[in-house]
């Protein structure tokens, strides 16, 4: 399953790097980026604390963190976090 999800990251347009937190795999802009891995792990841990009543499962499957020029897309599968960094599309302002 991990291999399928790692392969699935290739379908993310404009990606510049990825991390698999738990395996220690990384590439591109995120290669060996332990700081980002730690921050994202903490973000997911905090988000997991917001469980719905009588809902034993993790309350989400994906988290997107959007910055100006890039985004982090985090997918949870089992005990692993798959993180893809992608370049955001820059749109020209519309002049009216």
C-alpha atoms as a PDB file:
ATOM      1  CA  UNK A   1       0.000   0.000   0.000  1.00  0.00           C
ATOM      2  CA  UNK A   2       2.832   2.406   0.792  1.00  0.00           C
ATOM      3  CA  UNK A   3       4.353   1.833  -2.638  1.00  0.00           C
ATOM      4  CA  UNK A   4       1.028   2.594  -4.328  1.00  0.00           C
ATOM      5  CA  UNK A   5       0.687   5.844  -2.391  1.00  0.00           C
ATOM      6  CA  UNK A   6       4.287   6.815  -3.083  1.00  0.00           C
ATOM      7  CA  UNK A   7       3.660   6.159  -6.772  1.00  0.00           C
ATOM      8  CA  UNK A   8       0.419   8.166  -6.565  1.00  0.00           C
ATOM      9  CA  UNK A   9       2.337  11.272  -5.550  1.00  0.00           C
ATOM     10  CA  UNK A  10       3.697  11.430  -9.101  1.00  0.00           C
ATOM     11  CA  UNK A  11       0.215  12.450 -10.235  1.00  0.00           C
ATOM     12  CA  UNK A  12       0.364  15.662  -8.182  1.00  0.00           C
ATOM     13  CA  UNK A  13       0.979  18.493 -10.661  1.00  0.00           C
ATOM     14  CA  UNK A  14       3.871  20.897 -10.059  1.00  0.00           C
ATOM     15  CA  UNK A  15       5.329  18.870  -7.191  1.00  0.00           C
ATOM     16  CA  UNK A  16       8.836  19.806  -6.119  1.00  0.00           C
ATOM     17  CA  UNK A  17       9.456  17.221  -3.412  1.00  0.00           C
ATOM     18  CA  UNK A  18       7.977  14.693  -1.032  1.00  0.00           C
ATOM     19  CA  UNK A  19       8.419  13.037   2.345  1.00  0.00           C
ATOM     20  CA  UNK A  20       7.159   9.740   3.694  1.00  0.00           C
ATOM     21  CA  UNK A  21       7.163  10.247   7.444  1.00  0.00           C
ATOM     22  CA  UNK A  22       7.678   6.937   9.232  1.00  0.00           C
ATOM     23  CA  UNK A  23       9.855   5.428   6.507  1.00  0.00           C
ATOM     24  CA  UNK A  24      12.289   8.313   6.299  1.00  0.00           C
ATOM     25  CA  UNK A  25      11.971   8.518   2.499  1.00  0.00           C
ATOM     26  CA  UNK A  26      12.349  11.923   0.876  1.00  0.00           C
ATOM     27  CA  UNK A  27      13.260  13.592  -2.403  1.00  0.00           C
ATOM     28  CA  UNK A  28      13.386  16.936  -4.184  1.00  0.00           C
ATOM     29  CA  UNK A  29      13.010  20.081  -2.068  1.00  0.00           C
ATOM     30  CA  UNK A  30      12.178  17.981   0.998  1.00  0.00           C
ATOM     31  CA  UNK A  31      15.111  15.572   0.836  1.00  0.00           C
ATOM     32  CA  UNK A  32      16.449  15.020   4.376  1.00  0.00           C
ATOM     33  CA  UNK A  33      14.315  17.905   5.694  1.00  0.00           C
ATOM     34  CA  UNK A  34      13.899  16.721   9.284  1.00  0.00           C
ATOM     35  CA  UNK A  35      12.578  20.089  10.449  1.00  0.00           C
ATOM     36  CA  UNK A  36       9.642  20.014   8.012  1.00  0.00           C
ATOM     37  CA  UNK A  37       8.950  16.383   8.936  1.00  0.00           C
ATOM     38  CA  UNK A  38       8.822  17.320  12.627  1.00  0.00           C
ATOM     39  CA  UNK A  39       6.556  20.318  12.085  1.00  0.00           C
ATOM     40  CA  UNK A  40       4.143  18.353   9.890  1.00  0.00           C
ATOM     41  CA  UNK A  41       4.068  15.448  12.356  1.00  0.00           C
ATOM     42  CA  UNK A  42       3.183  17.896  15.137  1.00  0.00           C
ATOM     43  CA  UNK A  43       0.473  19.500  12.972  1.00  0.00           C
ATOM     44  CA  UNK A  44      -1.111  16.103  12.297  1.00  0.00           C
ATOM     45  CA  UNK A  45      -0.856  15.127  15.958  1.00  0.00           C
ATOM     46  CA  UNK A  46      -2.633  18.334  16.975  1.00  0.00           C
ATOM     47  CA  UNK A  47      -5.326  17.856  14.338  1.00  0.00           C
ATOM     48  CA  UNK A  48      -5.894  14.263  15.510  1.00  0.00           C
ATOM     49  CA  UNK A  49      -6.763  15.614  18.963  1.00  0.00           C
ATOM     50  CA  UNK A  50      -9.957  17.084  17.474  1.00  0.00           C
ATOM     51  CA  UNK A  51     -11.830  13.789  17.259  1.00  0.00           C
ATOM     52  CA  UNK A  52     -15.566  13.757  16.828  1.00  0.00           C
ATOM     53  CA  UNK A  53     -17.653  12.170  19.608  1.00  0.00           C
ATOM     54  CA  UNK A  54     -18.100   8.408  19.134  1.00  0.00           C
ATOM     55  CA  UNK A  55     -15.782   8.437  16.108  1.00  0.00           C
ATOM     56  CA  UNK A  56     -12.802   6.119  16.666  1.00  0.00           C
ATOM     57  CA  UNK A  57     -11.105   6.923  13.365  1.00  0.00           C
ATOM     58  CA  UNK A  58      -8.817   9.808  12.497  1.00  0.00           C
ATOM     59  CA  UNK A  59     -11.141  12.751  11.737  1.00  0.00           C
ATOM     60  CA  UNK A  60      -9.500  13.494   8.376  1.00  0.00           C
ATOM     61  CA  UNK A  61      -7.473  11.878   5.608  1.00  0.00           C
ATOM     62  CA  UNK A  62      -5.786  14.905   4.077  1.00  0.00           C
ATOM     63  CA  UNK A  63      -4.487  18.277   5.188  1.00  0.00           C
ATOM     64  CA  UNK A  64      -3.438  21.088   2.852  1.00  0.00           C
ATOM     65  CA  UNK A  65      -1.198  23.875   4.110  1.00  0.00           C
ATOM     66  CA  UNK A  66      -1.161  26.675   1.544  1.00  0.00           C
ATOM     67  CA  UNK A  67       1.497  29.373   1.427  1.00  0.00           C
ATOM     68  CA  UNK A  68       1.985  32.060  -1.219  1.00  0.00           C
ATOM     69  CA  UNK A  69       4.234  30.205  -3.642  1.00  0.00           C
ATOM     70  CA  UNK A  70       3.835  26.593  -2.502  1.00  0.00           C
ATOM     71  CA  UNK A  71       1.606  24.157  -0.623  1.00  0.00           C
ATOM     72  CA  UNK A  72       2.160  21.056   1.463  1.00  0.00           C
ATOM     73  CA  UNK A  73      -0.366  18.281   0.814  1.00  0.00           C
ATOM     74  CA  UNK A  74      -0.420  15.728   3.643  1.00  0.00           C
ATOM     75  CA  UNK A  75      -2.162  12.353   3.270  1.00  0.00           C
ATOM     76  CA  UNK A  76      -2.525   9.887   6.130  1.00  0.00           C
ATOM     77  CA  UNK A  77      -2.456   6.161   5.426  1.00  0.00           C
ATOM     78  CA  UNK A  78      -2.138   3.754   8.322  1.00  0.00           C
ATOM     79  CA  UNK A  79       0.838   4.832  10.400  1.00  0.00           C
ATOM     80  CA  UNK A  80       2.458   6.811   7.577  1.00  0.00           C
ATOM     81  CA  UNK A  81       2.236  10.433   6.499  1.00  0.00           C
ATOM     82  CA  UNK A  82       2.791  11.163   2.823  1.00  0.00           C
ATOM     83  CA  UNK A  83       3.742  14.795   2.224  1.00  0.00           C
ATOM     84  CA  UNK A  84       4.011  16.418  -1.198  1.00  0.00           C
ATOM     85  CA  UNK A  85       5.304  19.942  -1.715  1.00  0.00           C
ATOM     86  CA  UNK A  86       3.878  21.569  -4.801  1.00  0.00           C
ATOM     87  CA  UNK A  87       4.347  24.879  -6.523  1.00  0.00           C
ATOM     88  CA  UNK A  88       1.175  26.985  -6.524  1.00  0.00           C
ATOM     89  CA  UNK A  89      -0.015  28.384  -9.827  1.00  0.00           C
ATOM     90  CA  UNK A  90       0.643  32.092 -10.018  1.00  0.00           C
ATOM     91  CA  UNK A  91      -2.340  33.841 -11.483  1.00  0.00           C
ATOM     92  CA  UNK A  92      -2.122  37.254 -12.985  1.00  0.00           C
ATOM     93  CA  UNK A  93      -4.490  39.800 -11.405  1.00  0.00           C
ATOM     94  CA  UNK A  94      -7.522  40.641 -13.501  1.00  0.00           C
ATOM     95  CA  UNK A  95      -7.644  44.286 -14.520  1.00  0.00           C
ATOM     96  CA  UNK A  96     -11.148  45.735 -14.786  1.00  0.00           C
END
